C-alpha cells in the first residue's frame, strides 16, 4: 500500500500542510495514521476522504458539519438520506454565493464601462 504523507497530500490538494495537521487534530481527517517516525500519512486508496473534506470546506461548510458528514459516511447506506440533505443545503449556500458574486461582477463591469467612457471623452 502506498503511503501519502502530509506534505505530499498538501501538494495534491493545493493547501497548506499546517491546515491538514489542524484538521487532523480536530478529528476531521479520517484514516490518518502515523509511521514509525510519528509522521502522519494516509493510504493512497483513502485519498477521497481528505479531498472531500477540502472540497466541503471550500464550499463554506463548517468544520463541525464536515465532521458530522464524515460520521454519516462511516454509517454507510443507512445515512444516505441525511448526507443527501446536507449536500443539498450546501449546494443552496454555494448557489447563493455565486449569485452574490455575479451581482458584484455586474457592478464592477458597470463601473469599468462608466470610467472607460469618461476616459474616451477626454
PDB file of N, CA and C in Angstrom:
ATOM      1  N   UNK A   1       0.838  -1.189   0.000  1.00  0.00           N
ATOM      2  CA  UNK A   1       0.000   0.000   0.000  1.00  0.00           C
ATOM      3  C   UNK A   1       0.882   1.252   0.000  1.00  0.00           C
ATOM      4  N   UNK A   2       0.599   2.164  -0.898  1.00  0.00           N
ATOM      5  CA  UNK A   2       1.385   3.394  -0.967  1.00  0.00           C
ATOM      6  C   UNK A   2       0.926   4.364   0.120  1.00  0.00           C
ATOM      7  N   UNK A   3       1.900   4.905   0.824  1.00  0.00           N
ATOM      8  CA  UNK A   3       1.615   5.907   1.851  1.00  0.00           C
ATOM      9  C   UNK A   3       1.715   7.296   1.235  1.00  0.00           C
ATOM     10  N   UNK A   4       0.776   8.159   1.593  1.00  0.00           N
ATOM     11  CA  UNK A   4       0.810   9.553   1.156  1.00  0.00           C
ATOM     12  C   UNK A   4       0.997  10.398   2.416  1.00  0.00           C
ATOM     13  N   UNK A   5       2.167  11.024   2.522  1.00  0.00           N
ATOM     14  CA  UNK A   5       2.479  11.837   3.701  1.00  0.00           C
ATOM     15  C   UNK A   5       1.858  13.223   3.574  1.00  0.00           C
ATOM     16  N   UNK A   6       1.766  13.915   4.689  1.00  0.00           N
ATOM     17  CA  UNK A   6       1.065  15.196   4.734  1.00  0.00           C
ATOM     18  C   UNK A   6       1.613  16.218   3.737  1.00  0.00           C
ATOM     19  N   UNK A   7       2.938  16.265   3.555  1.00  0.00           N
ATOM     20  CA  UNK A   7       3.484  17.232   2.594  1.00  0.00           C
ATOM     21  C   UNK A   7       3.042  16.898   1.173  1.00  0.00           C
ATOM     22  N   UNK A   8       3.000  15.606   0.842  1.00  0.00           N
ATOM     23  CA  UNK A   8       2.512  15.187  -0.479  1.00  0.00           C
ATOM     24  C   UNK A   8       1.023  15.485  -0.622  1.00  0.00           C
ATOM     25  N   UNK A   9       0.282  15.198   0.425  1.00  0.00           N
ATOM     26  CA  UNK A   9      -1.160  15.432   0.414  1.00  0.00           C
ATOM     27  C   UNK A   9      -1.467  16.913   0.256  1.00  0.00           C
ATOM     28  N   UNK A  10      -0.692  17.746   0.938  1.00  0.00           N
ATOM     29  CA  UNK A  10      -0.877  19.197   0.814  1.00  0.00           C
ATOM     30  C   UNK A  10      -0.666  19.633  -0.633  1.00  0.00           C
ATOM     31  N   UNK A  11       0.338  19.074  -1.293  1.00  0.00           N
ATOM     32  CA  UNK A  11       0.579  19.397  -2.708  1.00  0.00           C
ATOM     33  C   UNK A  11      -0.551  18.903  -3.598  1.00  0.00           C
ATOM     34  N   UNK A  12      -1.017  17.696  -3.354  1.00  0.00           N
ATOM     35  CA  UNK A  12      -2.115  17.133  -4.147  1.00  0.00           C
ATOM     36  C   UNK A  12      -3.367  17.998  -4.018  1.00  0.00           C
ATOM     37  N   UNK A  13      -3.656  18.436  -2.791  1.00  0.00           N
ATOM     38  CA  UNK A  13      -4.885  19.192  -2.526  1.00  0.00           C
ATOM     39  C   UNK A  13      -4.709  20.694  -2.688  1.00  0.00           C
ATOM     40  N   UNK A  14      -3.466  21.111  -2.915  1.00  0.00           N
ATOM     41  CA  UNK A  14      -3.149  22.533  -3.080  1.00  0.00           C
ATOM     42  C   UNK A  14      -3.567  23.364  -1.860  1.00  0.00           C
ATOM     43  N   UNK A  15      -3.218  22.854  -0.683  1.00  0.00           N
ATOM     44  CA  UNK A  15      -3.461  23.594   0.556  1.00  0.00           C
ATOM     45  C   UNK A  15      -2.212  23.511   1.430  1.00  0.00           C
ATOM     46  N   UNK A  16      -2.227  24.304   2.483  1.00  0.00           N
ATOM     47  CA  UNK A  16      -1.111  24.373   3.407  1.00  0.00           C
ATOM     48  C   UNK A  16      -1.055  23.108   4.265  1.00  0.00           C
ATOM     49  N   UNK A  17       0.136  22.608   4.476  1.00  0.00           N
ATOM     50  CA  UNK A  17       0.308  21.409   5.299  1.00  0.00           C
ATOM     51  C   UNK A  17      -0.173  21.639   6.728  1.00  0.00           C
ATOM     52  N   UNK A  18       0.005  22.843   7.242  1.00  0.00           N
ATOM     53  CA  UNK A  18      -0.451  23.128   8.609  1.00  0.00           C
ATOM     54  C   UNK A  18      -1.971  23.038   8.711  1.00  0.00           C
ATOM     55  N   UNK A  19      -2.678  23.361   7.630  1.00  0.00           N
ATOM     56  CA  UNK A  19      -4.141  23.212   7.626  1.00  0.00           C
ATOM     57  C   UNK A  19      -4.513  21.738   7.764  1.00  0.00           C
ATOM     58  N   UNK A  20      -3.781  20.881   7.076  1.00  0.00           N
ATOM     59  CA  UNK A  20      -4.036  19.441   7.192  1.00  0.00           C
ATOM     60  C   UNK A  20      -3.796  18.949   8.610  1.00  0.00           C
ATOM     61  N   UNK A  21      -2.699  19.405   9.208  1.00  0.00           N
ATOM     62  CA  UNK A  21      -2.411  18.994  10.587  1.00  0.00           C
ATOM     63  C   UNK A  21      -3.506  19.488  11.529  1.00  0.00           C
ATOM     64  N   UNK A  22      -3.997  20.709  11.282  1.00  0.00           N
ATOM     65  CA  UNK A  22      -5.081  21.263  12.105  1.00  0.00           C
ATOM     66  C   UNK A  22      -6.337  20.400  11.962  1.00  0.00           C
ATOM     67  N   UNK A  23      -6.708  20.084  10.724  1.00  0.00           N
ATOM     68  CA  UNK A  23      -7.894  19.252  10.503  1.00  0.00           C
ATOM     69  C   UNK A  23      -7.734  17.896  11.179  1.00  0.00           C
ATOM     70  N   UNK A  24      -6.532  17.347  11.119  1.00  0.00           N
ATOM     71  CA  UNK A  24      -6.280  16.070  11.773  1.00  0.00           C
ATOM     72  C   UNK A  24      -6.438  16.200  13.283  1.00  0.00           C
ATOM     73  N   UNK A  25      -5.930  17.287  13.850  1.00  0.00           N
ATOM     74  CA  UNK A  25      -6.030  17.475  15.305  1.00  0.00           C
ATOM     75  C   UNK A  25      -7.475  17.632  15.761  1.00  0.00           C
ATOM     76  N   UNK A  26      -8.334  18.086  14.855  1.00  0.00           N
ATOM     77  CA  UNK A  26      -9.761  18.252  15.168  1.00  0.00           C
ATOM     78  C   UNK A  26     -10.569  17.001  14.838  1.00  0.00           C
ATOM     79  N   UNK A  27      -9.886  15.961  14.375  1.00  0.00           N
ATOM     80  CA  UNK A  27     -10.574  14.713  14.058  1.00  0.00           C
ATOM     81  C   UNK A  27     -11.359  14.760  12.762  1.00  0.00           C
ATOM     82  N   UNK A  28     -10.985  15.664  11.874  1.00  0.00           N
ATOM     83  CA  UNK A  28     -11.739  15.854  10.636  1.00  0.00           C
ATOM     84  C   UNK A  28     -11.098  15.120   9.461  1.00  0.00           C
ATOM     85  N   UNK A  29      -9.897  14.652   9.617  1.00  0.00           N
ATOM     86  CA  UNK A  29      -9.254  13.872   8.553  1.00  0.00           C
ATOM     87  C   UNK A  29      -9.235  12.406   8.965  1.00  0.00           C
ATOM     88  N   UNK A  30     -10.267  11.679   8.576  1.00  0.00           N
ATOM     89  CA  UNK A  30     -10.270  10.263   8.942  1.00  0.00           C
ATOM     90  C   UNK A  30      -9.190   9.514   8.172  1.00  0.00           C
ATOM     91  N   UNK A  31      -8.837   8.395   8.674  1.00  0.00           N
ATOM     92  CA  UNK A  31      -7.887   7.493   8.021  1.00  0.00           C
ATOM     93  C   UNK A  31      -6.427   7.928   8.147  1.00  0.00           C
ATOM     94  N   UNK A  32      -6.139   9.011   8.879  1.00  0.00           N
ATOM     95  CA  UNK A  32      -4.743   9.424   9.065  1.00  0.00           C
ATOM     96  C   UNK A  32      -4.089   8.467  10.056  1.00  0.00           C
ATOM     97  N   UNK A  33      -2.899   8.020   9.698  1.00  0.00           N
ATOM     98  CA  UNK A  33      -2.122   7.123  10.549  1.00  0.00           C
ATOM     99  C   UNK A  33      -0.758   7.755  10.801  1.00  0.00           C
ATOM    100  N   UNK A  34       0.034   7.113  11.637  1.00  0.00           N
ATOM    101  CA  UNK A  34       1.402   7.575  11.894  1.00  0.00           C
ATOM    102  C   UNK A  34       2.366   6.429  11.629  1.00  0.00           C
ATOM    103  N   UNK A  35       3.505   6.790  11.044  1.00  0.00           N
ATOM    104  CA  UNK A  35       4.512   5.760  10.781  1.00  0.00           C
ATOM    105  C   UNK A  35       5.426   5.602  11.994  1.00  0.00           C
ATOM    106  N   UNK A  36       6.474   4.790  11.835  1.00  0.00           N
ATOM    107  CA  UNK A  36       7.394   4.516  12.949  1.00  0.00           C
ATOM    108  C   UNK A  36       8.145   5.754  13.420  1.00  0.00           C
ATOM    109  N   UNK A  37       8.208   6.795  12.588  1.00  0.00           N
ATOM    110  CA  UNK A  37       8.849   8.060  12.974  1.00  0.00           C
ATOM    111  C   UNK A  37       7.838   9.117  13.414  1.00  0.00           C
ATOM    112  N   UNK A  38       6.589   8.700  13.573  1.00  0.00           N
ATOM    113  CA  UNK A  38       5.492   9.549  14.025  1.00  0.00           C
ATOM    114  C   UNK A  38       5.032  10.562  12.963  1.00  0.00           C
ATOM    115  N   UNK A  39       5.387  10.333  11.695  1.00  0.00           N
ATOM    116  CA  UNK A  39       4.910  11.192  10.611  1.00  0.00           C
ATOM    117  C   UNK A  39       3.505  10.756  10.207  1.00  0.00           C
ATOM    118  N   UNK A  40       2.664  11.745   9.948  1.00  0.00           N
ATOM    119  CA  UNK A  40       1.296  11.453   9.527  1.00  0.00           C
ATOM    120  C   UNK A  40       1.265  11.044   8.053  1.00  0.00           C
ATOM    121  N   UNK A  41       0.389  10.089   7.759  1.00  0.00           N
ATOM    122  CA  UNK A  41       0.176   9.673   6.374  1.00  0.00           C
ATOM    123  C   UNK A  41      -1.213   9.067   6.246  1.00  0.00           C
ATOM    124  N   UNK A  42      -1.666   8.950   5.005  1.00  0.00           N
ATOM    125  CA  UNK A  42      -2.864   8.167   4.715  1.00  0.00           C
ATOM    126  C   UNK A  42      -2.499   7.190   3.605  1.00  0.00           C
ATOM    127  N   UNK A  43      -3.259   6.126   3.512  1.00  0.00           N
ATOM    128  CA  UNK A  43      -3.065   5.189   2.413  1.00  0.00           C
ATOM    129  C   UNK A  43      -3.621   5.814   1.138  1.00  0.00           C
ATOM    130  N   UNK A  44      -2.955   5.530   0.029  1.00  0.00           N
ATOM    131  CA  UNK A  44      -3.326   6.114  -1.260  1.00  0.00           C
ATOM    132  C   UNK A  44      -4.804   5.900  -1.579  1.00  0.00           C
ATOM    133  N   UNK A  45      -5.327   4.714  -1.281  1.00  0.00           N
ATOM    134  CA  UNK A  45      -6.730   4.442  -1.620  1.00  0.00           C
ATOM    135  C   UNK A  45      -7.723   5.214  -0.751  1.00  0.00           C
ATOM    136  N   UNK A  46      -7.241   5.888   0.280  1.00  0.00           N
ATOM    137  CA  UNK A  46      -8.116   6.702   1.133  1.00  0.00           C
ATOM    138  C   UNK A  46      -8.081   8.188   0.774  1.00  0.00           C
ATOM    139  N   UNK A  47      -7.516   8.539  -0.373  1.00  0.00           N
ATOM    140  CA  UNK A  47      -7.396   9.950  -0.778  1.00  0.00           C
ATOM    141  C   UNK A  47      -8.736  10.664  -0.904  1.00  0.00           C
ATOM    142  N   UNK A  48      -9.801   9.925  -1.153  1.00  0.00           N
ATOM    143  CA  UNK A  48     -11.108  10.571  -1.298  1.00  0.00           C
ATOM    144  C   UNK A  48     -11.548  11.286  -0.024  1.00  0.00           C
ATOM    145  N   UNK A  49     -11.147  10.782   1.135  1.00  0.00           N
ATOM    146  CA  UNK A  49     -11.561  11.421   2.386  1.00  0.00           C
ATOM    147  C   UNK A  49     -11.027  12.850   2.506  1.00  0.00           C
ATOM    148  N   UNK A  50      -9.724  13.064   2.406  1.00  0.00           N
ATOM    149  CA  UNK A  50      -9.252  14.450   2.512  1.00  0.00           C
ATOM    150  C   UNK A  50      -9.722  15.322   1.350  1.00  0.00           C
ATOM    151  N   UNK A  51      -9.879  14.733   0.162  1.00  0.00           N
ATOM    152  CA  UNK A  51     -10.407  15.511  -0.964  1.00  0.00           C
ATOM    153  C   UNK A  51     -11.815  15.999  -0.651  1.00  0.00           C
ATOM    154  N   UNK A  52     -12.617  15.135  -0.053  1.00  0.00           N
ATOM    155  CA  UNK A  52     -13.980  15.511   0.330  1.00  0.00           C
ATOM    156  C   UNK A  52     -13.960  16.613   1.376  1.00  0.00           C
ATOM    157  N   UNK A  53     -13.109  16.462   2.383  1.00  0.00           N
ATOM    158  CA  UNK A  53     -13.006  17.475   3.441  1.00  0.00           C
ATOM    159  C   UNK A  53     -12.661  18.833   2.846  1.00  0.00           C
ATOM    160  N   UNK A  54     -11.650  18.885   2.004  1.00  0.00           N
ATOM    161  CA  UNK A  54     -11.199  20.154   1.431  1.00  0.00           C
ATOM    162  C   UNK A  54     -12.268  20.743   0.526  1.00  0.00           C
ATOM    163  N   UNK A  55     -12.910  19.916  -0.266  1.00  0.00           N
ATOM    164  CA  UNK A  55     -13.965  20.410  -1.152  1.00  0.00           C
ATOM    165  C   UNK A  55     -15.121  20.992  -0.341  1.00  0.00           C
ATOM    166  N   UNK A  56     -15.557  20.283   0.686  1.00  0.00           N
ATOM    167  CA  UNK A  56     -16.657  20.786   1.517  1.00  0.00           C
ATOM    168  C   UNK A  56     -16.252  22.070   2.232  1.00  0.00           C
ATOM    169  N   UNK A  57     -15.010  22.132   2.684  1.00  0.00           N
ATOM    170  CA  UNK A  57     -14.516  23.345   3.352  1.00  0.00           C
ATOM    171  C   UNK A  57     -14.528  24.522   2.383  1.00  0.00           C
ATOM    172  N   UNK A  58     -14.106  24.289   1.148  1.00  0.00           N
ATOM    173  CA  UNK A  58     -14.094  25.358   0.144  1.00  0.00           C
ATOM    174  C   UNK A  58     -15.499  25.867  -0.161  1.00  0.00           C
ATOM    175  N   UNK A  59     -16.499  25.011   0.011  1.00  0.00           N
ATOM    176  CA  UNK A  59     -17.876  25.457  -0.226  1.00  0.00           C
ATOM    177  C   UNK A  59     -18.415  26.281   0.935  1.00  0.00           C
ATOM    178  N   UNK A  60     -17.651  26.324   2.018  1.00  0.00           N
ATOM    179  CA  UNK A  60     -18.086  27.098   3.176  1.00  0.00           C
ATOM    180  C   UNK A  60     -18.694  26.265   4.286  1.00  0.00           C
ATOM    181  N   UNK A  61     -18.688  24.956   4.144  1.00  0.00           N
ATOM    182  CA  UNK A  61     -19.237  24.109   5.201  1.00  0.00           C
ATOM    183  C   UNK A  61     -18.353  24.225   6.439  1.00  0.00           C
ATOM    184  N   UNK A  62     -18.977  24.313   7.587  1.00  0.00           N
ATOM    185  CA  UNK A  62     -18.223  24.434   8.836  1.00  0.00           C
ATOM    186  C   UNK A  62     -17.512  23.121   9.154  1.00  0.00           C
ATOM    187  N   UNK A  63     -16.449  23.217   9.933  1.00  0.00           N
ATOM    188  CA  UNK A  63     -15.724  22.004  10.330  1.00  0.00           C
ATOM    189  C   UNK A  63     -16.629  21.078  11.133  1.00  0.00           C
ATOM    190  N   UNK A  64     -17.502  21.668  11.932  1.00  0.00           N
ATOM    191  CA  UNK A  64     -18.452  20.872  12.719  1.00  0.00           C
ATOM    192  C   UNK A  64     -19.351  20.048  11.794  1.00  0.00           C
ATOM    193  N   UNK A  65     -19.860  20.687  10.734  1.00  0.00           N
ATOM    194  CA  UNK A  65     -20.733  19.976   9.799  1.00  0.00           C
ATOM    195  C   UNK A  65     -19.959  18.969   8.954  1.00  0.00           C
ATOM    196  N   UNK A  66     -18.711  19.294   8.623  1.00  0.00           N
ATOM    197  CA  UNK A  66     -17.884  18.336   7.884  1.00  0.00           C
ATOM    198  C   UNK A  66     -17.667  17.091   8.736  1.00  0.00           C
ATOM    199  N   UNK A  67     -17.420  17.301  10.007  1.00  0.00           N
ATOM    200  CA  UNK A  67     -17.220  16.170  10.917  1.00  0.00           C
ATOM    201  C   UNK A  67     -18.488  15.315  10.986  1.00  0.00           C
ATOM    202  N   UNK A  68     -19.646  15.988  11.049  1.00  0.00           N
ATOM    203  CA  UNK A  68     -20.919  15.258  11.047  1.00  0.00           C
ATOM    204  C   UNK A  68     -21.092  14.468   9.751  1.00  0.00           C
ATOM    205  N   UNK A  69     -20.801  15.130   8.645  1.00  0.00           N
ATOM    206  CA  UNK A  69     -20.939  14.486   7.341  1.00  0.00           C
ATOM    207  C   UNK A  69     -20.074  13.225   7.276  1.00  0.00           C
ATOM    208  N   UNK A  70     -18.834  13.327   7.716  1.00  0.00           N
ATOM    209  CA  UNK A  70     -17.932  12.171   7.691  1.00  0.00           C
ATOM    210  C   UNK A  70     -18.406  11.063   8.629  1.00  0.00           C
ATOM    211  N   UNK A  71     -19.007  11.463   9.748  1.00  0.00           N
ATOM    212  CA  UNK A  71     -19.593  10.476  10.656  1.00  0.00           C
ATOM    213  C   UNK A  71     -20.679   9.688   9.917  1.00  0.00           C
ATOM    214  N   UNK A  72     -21.527  10.426   9.199  1.00  0.00           N
ATOM    215  CA  UNK A  72     -22.596   9.762   8.452  1.00  0.00           C
ATOM    216  C   UNK A  72     -22.041   8.878   7.335  1.00  0.00           C
ATOM    217  N   UNK A  73     -20.967   9.294   6.702  1.00  0.00           N
ATOM    218  CA  UNK A  73     -20.334   8.464   5.671  1.00  0.00           C
ATOM    219  C   UNK A  73     -19.938   7.121   6.277  1.00  0.00           C
ATOM    220  N   UNK A  74     -19.367   7.165   7.472  1.00  0.00           N
ATOM    221  CA  UNK A  74     -18.933   5.930   8.138  1.00  0.00           C
ATOM    222  C   UNK A  74     -20.113   5.037   8.515  1.00  0.00           C
ATOM    223  N   UNK A  75     -21.317   5.609   8.615  1.00  0.00           N
ATOM    224  CA  UNK A  75     -22.503   4.827   8.965  1.00  0.00           C
ATOM    225  C   UNK A  75     -23.015   3.997   7.791  1.00  0.00           C
ATOM    226  N   UNK A  76     -22.531   4.305   6.598  1.00  0.00           N
ATOM    227  CA  UNK A  76     -22.930   3.524   5.430  1.00  0.00           C
ATOM    228  C   UNK A  76     -24.264   3.969   4.846  1.00  0.00           C
ATOM    229  N   UNK A  77     -24.906   3.045   4.162  1.00  0.00           N
ATOM    230  CA  UNK A  77     -26.125   3.359   3.415  1.00  0.00           C
ATOM    231  C   UNK A  77     -27.281   3.843   4.279  1.00  0.00           C
ATOM    232  N   UNK A  78     -27.271   3.525   5.546  1.00  0.00           N
ATOM    233  CA  UNK A  78     -28.372   3.960   6.412  1.00  0.00           C
ATOM    234  C   UNK A  78     -28.420   5.479   6.566  1.00  0.00           C
ATOM    235  N   UNK A  79     -27.351   6.168   6.199  1.00  0.00           N
ATOM    236  CA  UNK A  79     -27.312   7.626   6.368  1.00  0.00           C
ATOM    237  C   UNK A  79     -27.336   8.385   5.040  1.00  0.00           C
ATOM    238  N   UNK A  80     -27.649   7.700   3.958  1.00  0.00           N
ATOM    239  CA  UNK A  80     -27.625   8.359   2.649  1.00  0.00           C
ATOM    240  C   UNK A  80     -28.580   9.544   2.611  1.00  0.00           C
ATOM    241  N   UNK A  81     -29.768   9.402   3.173  1.00  0.00           N
ATOM    242  CA  UNK A  81     -30.760  10.488   3.127  1.00  0.00           C
ATOM    243  C   UNK A  81     -30.237  11.740   3.826  1.00  0.00           C
ATOM    244  N   UNK A  82     -29.658  11.592   5.001  1.00  0.00           N
ATOM    245  CA  UNK A  82     -29.159  12.756   5.738  1.00  0.00           C
ATOM    246  C   UNK A  82     -27.962  13.379   5.021  1.00  0.00           C
ATOM    247  N   UNK A  83     -27.110  12.562   4.430  1.00  0.00           N
ATOM    248  CA  UNK A  83     -25.976  13.095   3.657  1.00  0.00           C
ATOM    249  C   UNK A  83     -26.466  13.853   2.429  1.00  0.00           C
ATOM    250  N   UNK A  84     -27.465  13.302   1.780  1.00  0.00           N
ATOM    251  CA  UNK A  84     -28.049  13.961   0.609  1.00  0.00           C
ATOM    252  C   UNK A  84     -28.605  15.329   1.002  1.00  0.00           C
ATOM    253  N   UNK A  85     -29.311  15.394   2.118  1.00  0.00           N
ATOM    254  CA  UNK A  85     -29.867  16.667   2.593  1.00  0.00           C
ATOM    255  C   UNK A  85     -28.757  17.659   2.935  1.00  0.00           C
ATOM    256  N   UNK A  86     -27.684  17.177   3.538  1.00  0.00           N
ATOM    257  CA  UNK A  86     -26.558  18.064   3.854  1.00  0.00           C
ATOM    258  C   UNK A  86     -25.954  18.641   2.573  1.00  0.00           C
ATOM    259  N   UNK A  87     -25.803  17.801   1.564  1.00  0.00           N
ATOM    260  CA  UNK A  87     -25.234  18.258   0.291  1.00  0.00           C
ATOM    261  C   UNK A  87     -26.185  19.238  -0.393  1.00  0.00           C
ATOM    262  N   UNK A  88     -27.491  18.972  -0.342  1.00  0.00           N
ATOM    263  CA  UNK A  88     -28.463  19.911  -0.919  1.00  0.00           C
ATOM    264  C   UNK A  88     -28.382  21.276  -0.239  1.00  0.00           C
ATOM    265  N   UNK A  89     -28.289  21.286   1.082  1.00  0.00           N
ATOM    266  CA  UNK A  89     -28.169  22.552   1.821  1.00  0.00           C
ATOM    267  C   UNK A  89     -26.896  23.288   1.433  1.00  0.00           C
ATOM    268  N   UNK A  90     -25.812  22.544   1.284  1.00  0.00           N
ATOM    269  CA  UNK A  90     -24.549  23.179   0.915  1.00  0.00           C
ATOM    270  C   UNK A  90     -24.624  23.737  -0.496  1.00  0.00           C
ATOM    271  N   UNK A  91     -25.290  23.012  -1.375  1.00  0.00           N
ATOM    272  CA  UNK A  91     -25.465  23.492  -2.744  1.00  0.00           C
ATOM    273  C   UNK A  91     -26.229  24.817  -2.754  1.00  0.00           C
ATOM    274  N   UNK A  92     -27.276  24.923  -1.948  1.00  0.00           N
ATOM    275  CA  UNK A  92     -28.044  26.175  -1.861  1.00  0.00           C
ATOM    276  C   UNK A  92     -27.151  27.325  -1.420  1.00  0.00           C
ATOM    277  N   UNK A  93     -26.309  27.068  -0.430  1.00  0.00           N
ATOM    278  CA  UNK A  93     -25.403  28.113   0.053  1.00  0.00           C
ATOM    279  C   UNK A  93     -24.430  28.545  -1.037  1.00  0.00           C
ATOM    280  N   UNK A  94     -23.876  27.584  -1.766  1.00  0.00           N
ATOM    281  CA  UNK A  94     -22.910  27.895  -2.821  1.00  0.00           C
ATOM    282  C   UNK A  94     -23.590  28.655  -3.956  1.00  0.00           C
ATOM    283  N   UNK A  95     -24.791  28.242  -4.329  1.00  0.00           N
ATOM    284  CA  UNK A  95     -25.516  28.945  -5.389  1.00  0.00           C
ATOM    285  C   UNK A  95     -25.842  30.376  -4.980  1.00  0.00           C
ATOM    286  N   UNK A  96     -26.146  30.579  -3.708  1.00  0.00           N
ATOM    287  CA  UNK A  96     -26.399  31.934  -3.213  1.00  0.00           C
ATOM    288  C   UNK A  96     -25.126  32.779  -3.280  1.00  0.00           C
ATOM    289  N   UNK A  97     -23.999  32.192  -2.903  1.00  0.00           N
ATOM    290  CA  UNK A  97     -22.710  32.895  -3.011  1.00  0.00           C
ATOM    291  C   UNK A  97     -22.425  33.259  -4.460  1.00  0.00           C
ATOM    292  N   UNK A  98     -22.697  32.314  -5.352  1.00  0.00           N
ATOM    293  CA  UNK A  98     -22.470  32.540  -6.777  1.00  0.00           C
ATOM    294  C   UNK A  98     -23.331  33.693  -7.287  1.00  0.00           C
ATOM    295  N   UNK A  99     -24.570  33.745  -6.849  1.00  0.00           N
ATOM    296  CA  UNK A  99     -25.471  34.835  -7.233  1.00  0.00           C
ATOM    297  C   UNK A  99     -24.911  36.169  -6.750  1.00  0.00           C
ATOM    298  N   UNK A 100     -24.447  36.214  -5.515  1.00  0.00           N
ATOM    299  CA  UNK A 100     -23.867  37.446  -4.969  1.00  0.00           C
ATOM    300  C   UNK A 100     -22.618  37.858  -5.737  1.00  0.00           C
ATOM    301  N   UNK A 101     -21.790  36.905  -6.073  1.00  0.00           N
ATOM    302  CA  UNK A 101     -20.576  37.208  -6.835  1.00  0.00           C
ATOM    303  C   UNK A 101     -20.939  37.733  -8.215  1.00  0.00           C
ATOM    304  N   UNK A 102     -21.960  37.133  -8.833  1.00  0.00           N
ATOM    305  CA  UNK A 102     -22.385  37.601 -10.154  1.00  0.00           C
ATOM    306  C   UNK A 102     -22.863  39.051 -10.077  1.00  0.00           C
ATOM    307  N   UNK A 103     -23.584  39.400  -9.024  1.00  0.00           N
ATOM    308  CA  UNK A 103     -24.032  40.786  -8.841  1.00  0.00           C
ATOM    309  C   UNK A 103     -22.836  41.722  -8.671  1.00  0.00           C
ATOM    310  N   UNK A 104     -21.829  41.285  -7.957  1.00  0.00           N
ATOM    311  CA  UNK A 104     -20.624  42.096  -7.772  1.00  0.00           C
ATOM    312  C   UNK A 104     -19.886  42.285  -9.094  1.00  0.00           C
ATOM    313  N   UNK A 105     -19.820  41.229  -9.889  1.00  0.00           N
ATOM    314  CA  UNK A 105     -19.172  41.327 -11.200  1.00  0.00           C
ATOM    315  C   UNK A 105     -19.926  42.308 -12.087  1.00  0.00           C
ATOM    316  N   UNK A 106     -21.242  42.235 -12.067  1.00  0.00           N
ATOM    317  CA  UNK A 106     -22.047  43.162 -12.870  1.00  0.00           C
ATOM    318  C   UNK A 106     -21.793  44.603 -12.452  1.00  0.00           C
ATOM    319  N   UNK A 107     -21.683  44.855 -11.157  1.00  0.00           N
ATOM    320  CA  UNK A 107     -21.401  46.203 -10.675  1.00  0.00           C
ATOM    321  C   UNK A 107     -20.026  46.670 -11.156  1.00  0.00           C
ATOM    322  N   UNK A 108     -19.040  45.800 -11.050  1.00  0.00           N
ATOM    323  CA  UNK A 108     -17.687  46.146 -11.494  1.00  0.00           C
ATOM    324  C   UNK A 108     -17.672  46.420 -12.998  1.00  0.00           C
ATOM    325  N   UNK A 109     -18.379  45.610 -13.763  1.00  0.00           N
ATOM    326  CA  UNK A 109     -18.445  45.839 -15.207  1.00  0.00           C
ATOM    327  C   UNK A 109     -19.107  47.180 -15.524  1.00  0.00           C
ATOM    328  N   UNK A 110     -20.147  47.514 -14.781  1.00  0.00           N
ATOM    329  CA  UNK A 110     -20.809  48.803 -14.958  1.00  0.00           C
ATOM    330  C   UNK A 110     -19.823  49.943 -14.692  1.00  0.00           C
ATOM    331  N   UNK A 111     -19.109  49.866 -13.578  1.00  0.00           N
ATOM    332  CA  UNK A 111     -18.145  50.913 -13.219  1.00  0.00           C
ATOM    333  C   UNK A 111     -17.008  50.985 -14.237  1.00  0.00           C
ATOM    334  N   UNK A 112     -16.548  49.852 -14.683  1.00  0.00           N
ATOM    335  CA  UNK A 112     -15.487  49.804 -15.680  1.00  0.00           C
ATOM    336  C   UNK A 112     -15.937  50.520 -16.956  1.00  0.00           C
ATOM    337  N   UNK A 113     -17.137  50.223 -17.395  1.00  0.00           N
ATOM    338  CA  UNK A 113     -17.682  50.865 -18.593  1.00  0.00           C
ATOM    339  C   UNK A 113     -17.855  52.366 -18.380  1.00  0.00           C
ATOM    340  N   UNK A 114     -18.335  52.740 -17.205  1.00  0.00           N
ATOM    341  CA  UNK A 114     -18.533  54.150 -16.864  1.00  0.00           C
ATOM    342  C   UNK A 114     -17.215  54.920 -16.978  1.00  0.00           C
ATOM    343  N   UNK A 115     -16.167  54.391 -16.356  1.00  0.00           N
ATOM    344  CA  UNK A 115     -14.867  55.070 -16.368  1.00  0.00           C
ATOM    345  C   UNK A 115     -14.222  55.038 -17.751  1.00  0.00           C
ATOM    346  N   UNK A 116     -14.403  53.958 -18.465  1.00  0.00           N
ATOM    347  CA  UNK A 116     -13.857  53.872 -19.817  1.00  0.00           C
ATOM    348  C   UNK A 116     -14.488  54.947 -20.701  1.00  0.00           C
ATOM    349  N   UNK A 117     -15.798  55.129 -20.602  1.00  0.00           N
ATOM    350  CA  UNK A 117     -16.491  56.169 -21.375  1.00  0.00           C
ATOM    351  C   UNK A 117     -15.994  57.554 -21.000  1.00  0.00           C
ATOM    352  N   UNK A 118     -15.774  57.784 -19.714  1.00  0.00           N
ATOM    353  CA  UNK A 118     -15.256  59.085 -19.256  1.00  0.00           C
ATOM    354  C   UNK A 118     -13.874  59.348 -19.852  1.00  0.00           C
ATOM    355  N   UNK A 119     -13.023  58.333 -19.840  1.00  0.00           N
ATOM    356  CA  UNK A 119     -11.666  58.485 -20.372  1.00  0.00           C
ATOM    357  C   UNK A 119     -11.672  58.715 -21.884  1.00  0.00           C
ATOM    358  N   UNK A 120     -12.567  58.077 -22.582  1.00  0.00           N
ATOM    359  CA  UNK A 120     -12.636  58.230 -24.038  1.00  0.00           C
ATOM    360  C   UNK A 120     -13.142  59.608 -24.451  1.00  0.00           C
ATOM    361  N   UNK A 121     -13.914  60.268 -23.592  1.00  0.00           N
ATOM    362  CA  UNK A 121     -14.462  61.590 -23.902  1.00  0.00           C
ATOM    363  C   UNK A 121     -13.453  62.700 -23.687  1.00  0.00           C
ATOM    364  N   UNK A 122     -12.351  62.403 -23.045  1.00  0.00           N
ATOM    365  CA  UNK A 122     -11.328  63.431 -22.775  1.00  0.00           C
ATOM    366  C   UNK A 122     -10.510  63.736 -23.983  1.00  0.00           C
TER     367      UNK A 122
END
